[in-house]
Amino acid sequence: MPEYQLQIKQVVDYPRCRIYREFIHKLINDRSIRINGGSGLFHFTVLCSYANFRTSYRRIDGISYTVSPGEWVCTVKELSCWFRTRFHRQALSMLDTLQKQHLISYTLLGWAVAM
């Protein structure tokens, strides 16, 4: 009976994927890009560009929030600006859509939004 030796090897090496914030911010500022499709890809990409890479702290209205990697905390006004929506309820509606697609989960903290 042949003897086998277990060798643990990584078959594929996936490089770390980073979202280049400068590129995403140029997309946000480019008003020629249509964002009223139903996929939410633009909105999801925007949220990813604002996600933290390491733990940080954010102060909104005198309250300090700990923001963990992969999370963000922002005001609804900021979110509406990022999403290019006229009304806050439109921005919150897009968050609901992304949450229903199981892409994000979020919580409203007064007028601040946390992921």
C-alpha atoms as a PDB file:
ATOM      1  CA  MET A   1       0.000   0.000   0.000  1.00  0.00           C
ATOM      2  CA  PRO A   2       1.555   3.338  -1.029  1.00  0.00           C
ATOM      3  CA  GLU A   3       2.030   5.971   1.653  1.00  0.00           C
ATOM      4  CA  TYR A   4       0.668   9.430   1.054  1.00  0.00           C
ATOM      5  CA  GLN A   5       1.964  12.630   2.517  1.00  0.00           C
ATOM      6  CA  LEU A   6      -0.459  15.492   2.969  1.00  0.00           C
ATOM      7  CA  GLN A   7       0.793  18.706   1.455  1.00  0.00           C
ATOM      8  CA  ILE A   8      -1.153  21.873   1.967  1.00  0.00           C
ATOM      9  CA  LYS A   9      -0.651  24.161  -0.980  1.00  0.00           C
ATOM     10  CA  GLN A  10      -2.535  27.189  -2.034  1.00  0.00           C
ATOM     11  CA  VAL A  11      -3.743  26.436  -5.518  1.00  0.00           C
ATOM     12  CA  VAL A  12      -4.756  29.973  -6.431  1.00  0.00           C
ATOM     13  CA  ASP A  13      -3.490  33.222  -4.980  1.00  0.00           C
ATOM     14  CA  TYR A  14      -6.153  35.923  -5.148  1.00  0.00           C
ATOM     15  CA  PRO A  15      -4.714  39.411  -4.801  1.00  0.00           C
ATOM     16  CA  ARG A  16      -6.415  41.787  -2.441  1.00  0.00           C
ATOM     17  CA  CYS A  17      -9.058  43.809  -4.171  1.00  0.00           C
ATOM     18  CA  ARG A  18      -9.226  47.478  -3.302  1.00  0.00           C
ATOM     19  CA  ILE A  19     -11.758  49.972  -4.448  1.00  0.00           C
ATOM     20  CA  TYR A  20      -9.966  53.053  -5.604  1.00  0.00           C
ATOM     21  CA  ARG A  21     -11.822  55.861  -3.881  1.00  0.00           C
ATOM     22  CA  GLU A  22     -10.511  58.560  -6.189  1.00  0.00           C
ATOM     23  CA  PHE A  23     -11.972  56.716  -9.182  1.00  0.00           C
ATOM     24  CA  ILE A  24     -15.324  56.206  -7.457  1.00  0.00           C
ATOM     25  CA  HIS A  25     -15.472  59.858  -6.420  1.00  0.00           C
ATOM     26  CA  LYS A  26     -14.915  60.861 -10.045  1.00  0.00           C
ATOM     27  CA  LEU A  27     -17.877  58.640 -10.963  1.00  0.00           C
ATOM     28  CA  ILE A  28     -19.988  60.268  -8.258  1.00  0.00           C
ATOM     29  CA  ASN A  29     -19.133  63.726  -9.594  1.00  0.00           C
ATOM     30  CA  ASP A  30     -19.771  62.763 -13.238  1.00  0.00           C
ATOM     31  CA  ARG A  31     -23.383  63.800 -13.770  1.00  0.00           C
ATOM     32  CA  SER A  32     -23.539  62.134 -17.188  1.00  0.00           C
ATOM     33  CA  ILE A  33     -23.689  58.676 -15.589  1.00  0.00           C
ATOM     34  CA  ARG A  34     -27.264  57.452 -15.375  1.00  0.00           C
ATOM     35  CA  ILE A  35     -28.059  56.051 -11.954  1.00  0.00           C
ATOM     36  CA  ASN A  36     -31.798  55.479 -12.141  1.00  0.00           C
ATOM     37  CA  GLY A  37     -31.543  51.809 -13.125  1.00  0.00           C
ATOM     38  CA  GLY A  38     -32.918  49.155 -10.837  1.00  0.00           C
ATOM     39  CA  SER A  39     -29.725  47.206 -10.069  1.00  0.00           C
ATOM     40  CA  GLY A  40     -28.323  49.538  -7.430  1.00  0.00           C
ATOM     41  CA  LEU A  41     -24.774  48.825  -8.622  1.00  0.00           C
ATOM     42  CA  PHE A  42     -23.801  52.505  -8.562  1.00  0.00           C
ATOM     43  CA  HIS A  43     -25.199  52.958  -5.060  1.00  0.00           C
ATOM     44  CA  PHE A  44     -23.538  49.794  -3.747  1.00  0.00           C
ATOM     45  CA  THR A  45     -20.184  50.871  -5.224  1.00  0.00           C
ATOM     46  CA  VAL A  46     -20.528  54.286  -3.610  1.00  0.00           C
ATOM     47  CA  LEU A  47     -21.145  52.696  -0.212  1.00  0.00           C
ATOM     48  CA  CYS A  48     -18.146  50.395  -0.652  1.00  0.00           C
ATOM     49  CA  SER A  49     -15.937  53.371  -1.428  1.00  0.00           C
ATOM     50  CA  TYR A  50     -16.853  54.932   1.921  1.00  0.00           C
ATOM     51  CA  ALA A  51     -16.374  51.731   3.950  1.00  0.00           C
ATOM     52  CA  ASN A  52     -13.507  51.788   6.425  1.00  0.00           C
ATOM     53  CA  PHE A  53     -10.384  49.700   5.970  1.00  0.00           C
ATOM     54  CA  ARG A  54      -9.536  49.897   9.670  1.00  0.00           C
ATOM     55  CA  THR A  55     -11.244  50.885  12.897  1.00  0.00           C
ATOM     56  CA  SER A  56     -11.837  54.603  13.227  1.00  0.00           C
ATOM     57  CA  TYR A  57     -14.116  56.998  15.046  1.00  0.00           C
ATOM     58  CA  ARG A  58     -16.686  59.411  13.678  1.00  0.00           C
ATOM     59  CA  ARG A  59     -18.406  62.182  15.594  1.00  0.00           C
ATOM     60  CA  ILE A  60     -21.882  63.273  14.461  1.00  0.00           C
ATOM     61  CA  ASP A  61     -24.002  65.723  16.460  1.00  0.00           C
ATOM     62  CA  GLY A  62     -21.792  65.332  19.526  1.00  0.00           C
ATOM     63  CA  ILE A  63     -22.013  61.523  19.536  1.00  0.00           C
ATOM     64  CA  SER A  64     -18.869  59.488  18.872  1.00  0.00           C
ATOM     65  CA  TYR A  65     -19.294  56.285  16.842  1.00  0.00           C
ATOM     66  CA  THR A  66     -16.764  53.475  16.501  1.00  0.00           C
ATOM     67  CA  VAL A  67     -16.603  52.524  12.836  1.00  0.00           C
ATOM     68  CA  SER A  68     -15.195  49.038  12.270  1.00  0.00           C
ATOM     69  CA  PRO A  69     -13.572  47.789   9.050  1.00  0.00           C
ATOM     70  CA  GLY A  70     -16.181  47.269   6.348  1.00  0.00           C
ATOM     71  CA  GLU A  71     -18.614  49.669   8.009  1.00  0.00           C
ATOM     72  CA  TRP A  72     -19.562  53.296   7.550  1.00  0.00           C
ATOM     73  CA  VAL A  73     -21.483  55.891   9.511  1.00  0.00           C
ATOM     74  CA  CYS A  74     -22.939  58.921   7.790  1.00  0.00           C
ATOM     75  CA  THR A  75     -25.826  61.326   8.032  1.00  0.00           C
ATOM     76  CA  VAL A  76     -28.863  60.882   5.812  1.00  0.00           C
ATOM     77  CA  LYS A  77     -27.990  64.231   4.233  1.00  0.00           C
ATOM     78  CA  GLU A  78     -24.523  62.910   3.263  1.00  0.00           C
ATOM     79  CA  LEU A  79     -26.066  59.700   1.936  1.00  0.00           C
ATOM     80  CA  SER A  80     -28.527  61.665  -0.173  1.00  0.00           C
ATOM     81  CA  CYS A  81     -25.650  63.699  -1.601  1.00  0.00           C
ATOM     82  CA  TRP A  82     -23.613  60.561  -2.418  1.00  0.00           C
ATOM     83  CA  PHE A  83     -26.611  58.884  -4.064  1.00  0.00           C
ATOM     84  CA  ARG A  84     -27.587  62.070  -5.935  1.00  0.00           C
ATOM     85  CA  THR A  85     -31.144  61.955  -4.618  1.00  0.00           C
ATOM     86  CA  ARG A  86     -33.285  64.984  -4.147  1.00  0.00           C
ATOM     87  CA  PHE A  87     -35.051  63.729  -1.040  1.00  0.00           C
ATOM     88  CA  HIS A  88     -33.776  61.799   1.974  1.00  0.00           C
ATOM     89  CA  ARG A  89     -36.513  59.192   1.622  1.00  0.00           C
ATOM     90  CA  GLN A  90     -35.185  58.299  -1.856  1.00  0.00           C
ATOM     91  CA  ALA A  91     -31.736  57.571  -0.410  1.00  0.00           C
ATOM     92  CA  LEU A  92     -33.259  55.485   2.380  1.00  0.00           C
ATOM     93  CA  SER A  93     -35.373  53.651  -0.182  1.00  0.00           C
ATOM     94  CA  MET A  94     -32.200  52.677  -2.055  1.00  0.00           C
ATOM     95  CA  LEU A  95     -30.705  51.371   1.191  1.00  0.00           C
ATOM     96  CA  ASP A  96     -33.860  49.292   1.653  1.00  0.00           C
ATOM     97  CA  THR A  97     -33.466  47.911  -1.873  1.00  0.00           C
ATOM     98  CA  LEU A  98     -29.830  46.942  -1.252  1.00  0.00           C
ATOM     99  CA  GLN A  99     -30.791  45.358   2.062  1.00  0.00           C
ATOM    100  CA  LYS A 100     -33.586  43.329   0.434  1.00  0.00           C
ATOM    101  CA  GLN A 101     -30.992  42.040  -2.065  1.00  0.00           C
ATOM    102  CA  HIS A 102     -28.874  40.933   0.933  1.00  0.00           C
ATOM    103  CA  LEU A 103     -25.986  43.171  -0.144  1.00  0.00           C
ATOM    104  CA  ILE A 104     -25.918  45.331   2.980  1.00  0.00           C
ATOM    105  CA  SER A 105     -27.536  45.651   6.359  1.00  0.00           C
ATOM    106  CA  TYR A 106     -28.000  49.051   7.907  1.00  0.00           C
ATOM    107  CA  THR A 107     -29.421  50.743  10.974  1.00  0.00           C
ATOM    108  CA  LEU A 108     -30.804  54.227  11.388  1.00  0.00           C
ATOM    109  CA  LEU A 109     -29.325  55.981  14.409  1.00  0.00           C
ATOM    110  CA  GLY A 110     -31.455  59.103  14.727  1.00  0.00           C
ATOM    111  CA  TRP A 111     -30.441  60.877  11.509  1.00  0.00           C
ATOM    112  CA  ALA A 112     -27.225  58.914  11.109  1.00  0.00           C
ATOM    113  CA  VAL A 113     -27.026  55.725   9.072  1.00  0.00           C
ATOM    114  CA  ALA A 114     -24.723  52.859  10.075  1.00  0.00           C
ATOM    115  CA  MET A 115     -23.792  49.776   8.139  1.00  0.00           C
END
